[in-house]
């Protein structure tokens, strides 16, 4: 059976598979009652919500083009966790408040 693995081995939850099944999808991420799930290749890792100390808005800049440089600012979410910092790249600005609200509870 499929079981997500912890992003930081020192911080785990009791039933990651059950929490993942009930998790809400926000872009490529999943937000459960106990953890935030991140896609890593063909697997899923999780960060327990209890390990998140701080969540703040961030932005990343995408540059492209050969002759004409195109710069586009995209939303991101910076998490400070007890296991270390994590940056979540988002595509839609509307997803940022959803994640911030859920992680601030």
Protein backbone atom coordinates (compact mmCIF):
# COMPACT_ATOMS: atom_id res chain seq x y z
CA UNK A 1 0.00 0.00 0.00
CA UNK A 2 1.08 3.58 -0.71
CA UNK A 3 2.52 5.47 2.27
CA UNK A 4 4.05 8.96 2.02
CA UNK A 5 7.44 9.32 3.69
CA UNK A 6 8.44 12.12 6.06
CA UNK A 7 10.47 14.98 4.56
CA UNK A 8 12.33 15.16 7.87
CA UNK A 9 12.70 11.72 9.53
CA UNK A 10 12.52 13.19 13.06
CA UNK A 11 8.99 14.55 12.49
CA UNK A 12 6.27 12.01 11.69
CA UNK A 13 2.49 11.55 11.99
CA UNK A 14 0.57 8.43 12.99
CA UNK A 15 -1.40 7.70 9.77
CA UNK A 16 0.09 9.46 6.74
CA UNK A 17 -1.75 7.25 4.21
CA UNK A 18 -5.17 8.01 5.70
CA UNK A 19 -4.42 11.71 6.06
CA UNK A 20 -3.20 11.83 2.44
CA UNK A 21 -6.42 10.20 1.16
CA UNK A 22 -8.51 12.88 2.90
CA UNK A 23 -6.20 15.77 1.94
CA UNK A 24 -7.33 18.79 -0.07
CA UNK A 25 -5.52 19.42 -3.36
CA UNK A 26 -3.93 22.84 -3.75
CA UNK A 27 -2.04 22.93 -7.05
CA UNK A 28 0.56 20.15 -6.99
CA UNK A 29 0.47 19.90 -3.17
CA UNK A 30 -1.96 18.15 -0.81
CA UNK A 31 -3.02 19.63 2.52
CA UNK A 32 -4.30 17.19 5.12
CA UNK A 33 -5.49 17.64 8.69
CA UNK A 34 -2.07 16.62 10.03
CA UNK A 35 0.45 17.28 7.23
CA UNK A 36 1.36 19.05 4.01
CA UNK A 37 2.25 16.61 1.21
CA UNK A 38 4.87 17.41 -1.43
CA UNK A 39 5.44 15.54 -4.71
CA UNK A 40 9.02 14.31 -4.99
CA UNK A 41 9.53 12.50 -8.28
CA UNK A 42 7.04 9.62 -8.34
CA UNK A 43 6.66 9.62 -4.54
CA UNK A 44 5.11 11.86 -1.91
CA UNK A 45 6.83 13.30 1.14
CA UNK A 46 5.09 15.06 3.99
CA UNK A 47 5.80 17.78 6.53
CA UNK A 48 3.70 17.54 9.71
CA UNK A 49 1.80 20.76 10.35
CA UNK A 50 3.06 20.63 13.94
CA UNK A 51 6.63 21.01 12.59
CA UNK A 52 5.83 24.25 10.72
CA UNK A 53 6.97 27.21 12.81
CA UNK A 54 6.41 30.00 10.30
CA UNK A 55 4.82 30.40 6.85
CA UNK A 56 5.32 33.55 4.82
CA UNK A 57 4.67 34.84 1.34
CA UNK A 58 7.58 34.87 -1.07
CA UNK A 59 8.04 35.44 -4.78
CA UNK A 60 10.31 33.92 -7.37
CA UNK A 61 11.28 35.41 -10.70
CA UNK A 62 11.28 33.35 -13.89
CA UNK A 63 13.51 34.60 -16.69
CA UNK A 64 13.35 33.34 -20.25
CA UNK A 65 14.15 34.37 -23.79
CA UNK A 66 17.19 34.64 -26.00
CA UNK A 67 16.85 37.97 -27.77
CA UNK A 68 14.29 39.54 -25.52
CA UNK A 69 14.42 38.76 -21.83
CA UNK A 70 11.07 38.02 -20.26
CA UNK A 71 10.81 38.23 -16.48
CA UNK A 72 7.74 37.02 -14.68
CA UNK A 73 7.12 37.05 -10.96
CA UNK A 74 5.41 33.96 -9.54
CA UNK A 75 4.07 33.31 -6.03
CA UNK A 76 5.88 31.06 -3.59
CA UNK A 77 5.52 30.08 0.05
CA UNK A 78 8.49 29.96 2.39
CA UNK A 79 8.13 27.59 5.34
CA UNK A 80 10.36 27.62 8.38
CA UNK A 81 10.10 24.18 9.95
CA UNK A 82 11.86 22.48 12.82
CA UNK A 83 13.59 20.32 10.19
CA UNK A 84 14.79 23.25 8.06
CA UNK A 85 13.49 25.74 5.49
CA UNK A 86 11.24 24.70 2.59
CA UNK A 87 10.20 26.75 -0.45
CA UNK A 88 6.94 25.80 -2.20
CA UNK A 89 6.63 27.13 -5.74
CA UNK A 90 3.10 28.01 -6.82
CA UNK A 91 1.59 28.85 -10.19
CA UNK A 92 -1.49 30.82 -9.11
CA UNK A 93 -1.56 33.78 -6.74
CA UNK A 94 -4.98 32.62 -5.49
CA UNK A 95 -3.40 29.49 -3.99
CA UNK A 96 -1.12 31.45 -1.67
CA UNK A 97 -3.81 32.76 0.74
CA UNK A 98 -5.37 29.27 0.96
CA UNK A 99 -2.10 27.71 2.08
CA UNK A 100 -1.20 30.60 4.40
CA UNK A 101 -4.59 30.43 6.10
CA UNK A 102 -4.44 26.67 6.56
CA UNK A 103 -0.87 26.72 7.89
CA UNK A 104 -1.54 29.57 10.33
CA UNK A 105 -4.18 27.57 12.25
